[in-house]
């Protein structure tokens, strides 16, 4: 399952929970919903993720410029 799909499900669940039961006193569901929607929008701006097909290439997290 992709990250956007998971976020979409979480947004739906939180929205339904807010609609049915309101915002609980001990947790701010509205803030969580805003955060999840922000993450979703950021993923929309980034576009699709892609992975290296060549396993030998791997990921290099070192900064070679310094």
N, C-alpha and C. Protein backbone atom coordinates (compact mmCIF):
# COMPACT_ATOMS: atom_id res chain seq x y z
N UNK A 1 0.85 -1.18 0.00
CA UNK A 1 0.00 0.00 0.00
C UNK A 1 0.89 1.24 0.00
N UNK A 2 0.55 2.18 -0.82
CA UNK A 2 1.35 3.39 -0.93
C UNK A 2 1.07 4.34 0.24
N UNK A 3 2.01 5.23 0.48
CA UNK A 3 1.90 6.18 1.57
C UNK A 3 0.65 7.04 1.42
N UNK A 4 0.38 7.50 0.20
CA UNK A 4 -0.79 8.35 -0.02
C UNK A 4 -2.08 7.59 0.29
N UNK A 5 -2.12 6.29 -0.02
CA UNK A 5 -3.31 5.50 0.29
C UNK A 5 -3.52 5.39 1.79
N UNK A 6 -2.44 5.18 2.52
CA UNK A 6 -2.52 5.10 3.98
C UNK A 6 -2.99 6.42 4.56
N UNK A 7 -2.40 7.53 4.09
CA UNK A 7 -2.81 8.85 4.57
C UNK A 7 -4.28 9.11 4.26
N UNK A 8 -4.71 8.72 3.07
CA UNK A 8 -6.10 8.91 2.68
C UNK A 8 -7.04 8.16 3.62
N UNK A 9 -6.68 6.93 3.96
CA UNK A 9 -7.50 6.15 4.89
C UNK A 9 -7.53 6.79 6.27
N UNK A 10 -6.37 7.26 6.73
CA UNK A 10 -6.31 7.92 8.03
C UNK A 10 -7.15 9.19 8.05
N UNK A 11 -7.08 9.97 6.97
CA UNK A 11 -7.87 11.20 6.87
C UNK A 11 -9.36 10.86 6.94
N UNK A 12 -9.77 9.82 6.24
CA UNK A 12 -11.17 9.40 6.24
C UNK A 12 -11.62 8.98 7.64
N UNK A 13 -10.80 8.18 8.30
CA UNK A 13 -11.14 7.70 9.64
C UNK A 13 -11.24 8.87 10.62
N UNK A 14 -10.27 9.78 10.58
CA UNK A 14 -10.29 10.92 11.51
C UNK A 14 -11.49 11.81 11.22
N UNK A 15 -11.78 12.05 9.96
CA UNK A 15 -12.94 12.88 9.59
C UNK A 15 -14.23 12.25 10.09
N UNK A 16 -14.38 10.94 9.89
CA UNK A 16 -15.58 10.24 10.36
C UNK A 16 -15.68 10.29 11.89
N UNK A 17 -14.56 10.11 12.55
CA UNK A 17 -14.54 10.13 14.01
C UNK A 17 -14.96 11.51 14.53
N UNK A 18 -14.44 12.56 13.89
CA UNK A 18 -14.82 13.92 14.29
C UNK A 18 -16.32 14.15 14.07
N UNK A 19 -16.81 13.64 12.95
CA UNK A 19 -18.23 13.83 12.64
C UNK A 19 -19.14 13.07 13.59
N UNK A 20 -18.76 11.88 13.98
CA UNK A 20 -19.60 11.05 14.83
C UNK A 20 -19.50 11.42 16.30
N UNK A 21 -18.28 11.65 16.77
CA UNK A 21 -18.08 11.82 18.21
C UNK A 21 -17.53 13.19 18.62
N UNK A 22 -17.14 13.98 17.65
CA UNK A 22 -16.56 15.28 17.98
C UNK A 22 -15.09 15.14 18.36
N UNK A 23 -14.54 16.22 18.86
CA UNK A 23 -13.13 16.25 19.22
C UNK A 23 -12.98 15.83 20.69
N UNK A 24 -12.23 14.77 20.98
CA UNK A 24 -12.08 14.36 22.38
C UNK A 24 -11.30 15.39 23.19
N UNK A 25 -11.52 15.37 24.48
CA UNK A 25 -10.87 16.33 25.36
C UNK A 25 -9.38 16.06 25.52
N UNK A 26 -8.97 14.80 25.41
CA UNK A 26 -7.58 14.45 25.69
C UNK A 26 -6.70 14.34 24.43
N UNK A 27 -7.26 14.67 23.25
CA UNK A 27 -6.47 14.59 22.02
C UNK A 27 -7.10 15.51 20.98
N UNK A 28 -6.29 16.22 20.22
CA UNK A 28 -6.80 17.17 19.23
C UNK A 28 -6.85 16.51 17.86
N UNK A 29 -8.02 15.92 17.54
CA UNK A 29 -8.18 15.26 16.24
C UNK A 29 -8.15 16.25 15.09
N UNK A 30 -8.61 17.47 15.31
CA UNK A 30 -8.59 18.47 14.25
C UNK A 30 -7.15 18.80 13.85
N UNK A 31 -6.28 18.91 14.83
CA UNK A 31 -4.87 19.17 14.53
C UNK A 31 -4.24 18.00 13.79
N UNK A 32 -4.58 16.78 14.21
CA UNK A 32 -4.08 15.59 13.52
C UNK A 32 -4.56 15.57 12.07
N UNK A 33 -5.82 15.90 11.86
CA UNK A 33 -6.38 15.92 10.51
C UNK A 33 -5.66 16.95 9.65
N UNK A 34 -5.41 18.14 10.19
CA UNK A 34 -4.68 19.16 9.43
C UNK A 34 -3.26 18.69 9.09
N UNK A 35 -2.62 18.02 10.02
CA UNK A 35 -1.27 17.51 9.78
C UNK A 35 -1.28 16.46 8.68
N UNK A 36 -2.22 15.51 8.75
CA UNK A 36 -2.31 14.46 7.73
C UNK A 36 -2.60 15.04 6.36
N UNK A 37 -3.50 16.02 6.30
CA UNK A 37 -3.82 16.65 5.02
C UNK A 37 -2.61 17.41 4.47
N UNK A 38 -1.81 18.00 5.36
CA UNK A 38 -0.59 18.68 4.92
C UNK A 38 0.40 17.70 4.33
N UNK A 39 0.56 16.54 4.98
CA UNK A 39 1.45 15.51 4.44
C UNK A 39 0.96 15.05 3.08
N UNK A 40 -0.35 14.87 2.94
CA UNK A 40 -0.92 14.42 1.68
C UNK A 40 -0.65 15.43 0.57
N UNK A 41 -0.82 16.69 0.87
CA UNK A 41 -0.57 17.75 -0.12
C UNK A 41 0.91 17.78 -0.52
N UNK A 42 1.80 17.60 0.45
CA UNK A 42 3.23 17.58 0.15
C UNK A 42 3.57 16.42 -0.78
N UNK A 43 2.96 15.26 -0.55
CA UNK A 43 3.20 14.12 -1.43
C UNK A 43 2.67 14.40 -2.83
N UNK A 44 1.57 15.13 -2.94
CA UNK A 44 1.05 15.50 -4.25
C UNK A 44 2.06 16.38 -5.00
N UNK A 45 2.70 17.30 -4.27
CA UNK A 45 3.68 18.19 -4.88
C UNK A 45 4.94 17.43 -5.31
N UNK A 46 5.34 16.45 -4.52
CA UNK A 46 6.55 15.68 -4.83
C UNK A 46 6.34 14.82 -6.07
N UNK A 47 5.16 14.27 -6.22
CA UNK A 47 4.89 13.37 -7.34
C UNK A 47 5.15 11.93 -6.93
N UNK A 48 5.46 11.11 -7.89
CA UNK A 48 5.66 9.69 -7.62
C UNK A 48 7.07 9.41 -7.14
N UNK A 49 7.17 8.41 -6.27
CA UNK A 49 8.48 7.95 -5.82
C UNK A 49 9.00 6.92 -6.82
N UNK A 50 10.29 6.83 -6.94
CA UNK A 50 10.87 5.78 -7.76
C UNK A 50 12.05 5.18 -7.01
N UNK A 51 12.36 3.98 -7.36
CA UNK A 51 13.41 3.23 -6.67
C UNK A 51 14.49 2.85 -7.67
N UNK A 52 15.72 2.73 -7.17
CA UNK A 52 16.80 2.26 -8.01
C UNK A 52 16.52 0.83 -8.42
N UNK A 53 16.65 0.53 -9.70
CA UNK A 53 16.44 -0.83 -10.17
C UNK A 53 17.70 -1.66 -10.00
N UNK A 54 18.85 -1.02 -10.04
CA UNK A 54 20.11 -1.73 -9.92
C UNK A 54 20.48 -1.81 -8.44
N UNK A 55 20.46 -3.02 -7.90
CA UNK A 55 20.76 -3.19 -6.47
C UNK A 55 22.18 -2.78 -6.13
N UNK A 56 23.10 -2.88 -7.08
CA UNK A 56 24.49 -2.53 -6.81
C UNK A 56 24.66 -1.03 -6.61
N UNK A 57 23.81 -0.24 -7.24
CA UNK A 57 23.93 1.21 -7.13
C UNK A 57 23.59 1.67 -5.71
N UNK A 58 22.51 1.14 -5.16
CA UNK A 58 22.14 1.43 -3.77
C UNK A 58 21.91 2.90 -3.51
N UNK A 59 21.86 3.25 -2.25
CA UNK A 59 21.65 4.61 -1.83
C UNK A 59 22.93 5.13 -1.20
N UNK A 60 23.31 6.33 -1.55
CA UNK A 60 24.51 6.94 -0.99
C UNK A 60 24.07 8.17 -0.19
N UNK A 61 24.15 8.06 1.13
CA UNK A 61 23.73 9.16 1.98
C UNK A 61 24.91 10.06 2.37
N UNK A 62 26.10 9.73 1.91
CA UNK A 62 27.26 10.54 2.23
C UNK A 62 27.34 11.73 1.30
N UNK A 63 27.84 12.83 1.80
CA UNK A 63 28.00 14.03 0.98
C UNK A 63 29.43 14.05 0.47
N UNK A 64 29.61 13.77 -0.80
CA UNK A 64 30.96 13.67 -1.38
C UNK A 64 31.58 15.03 -1.62
N UNK A 65 30.81 16.10 -1.53
CA UNK A 65 31.34 17.42 -1.82
C UNK A 65 32.21 17.99 -0.73
N UNK A 66 32.16 17.41 0.45
CA UNK A 66 32.92 17.97 1.58
C UNK A 66 34.05 17.08 1.97
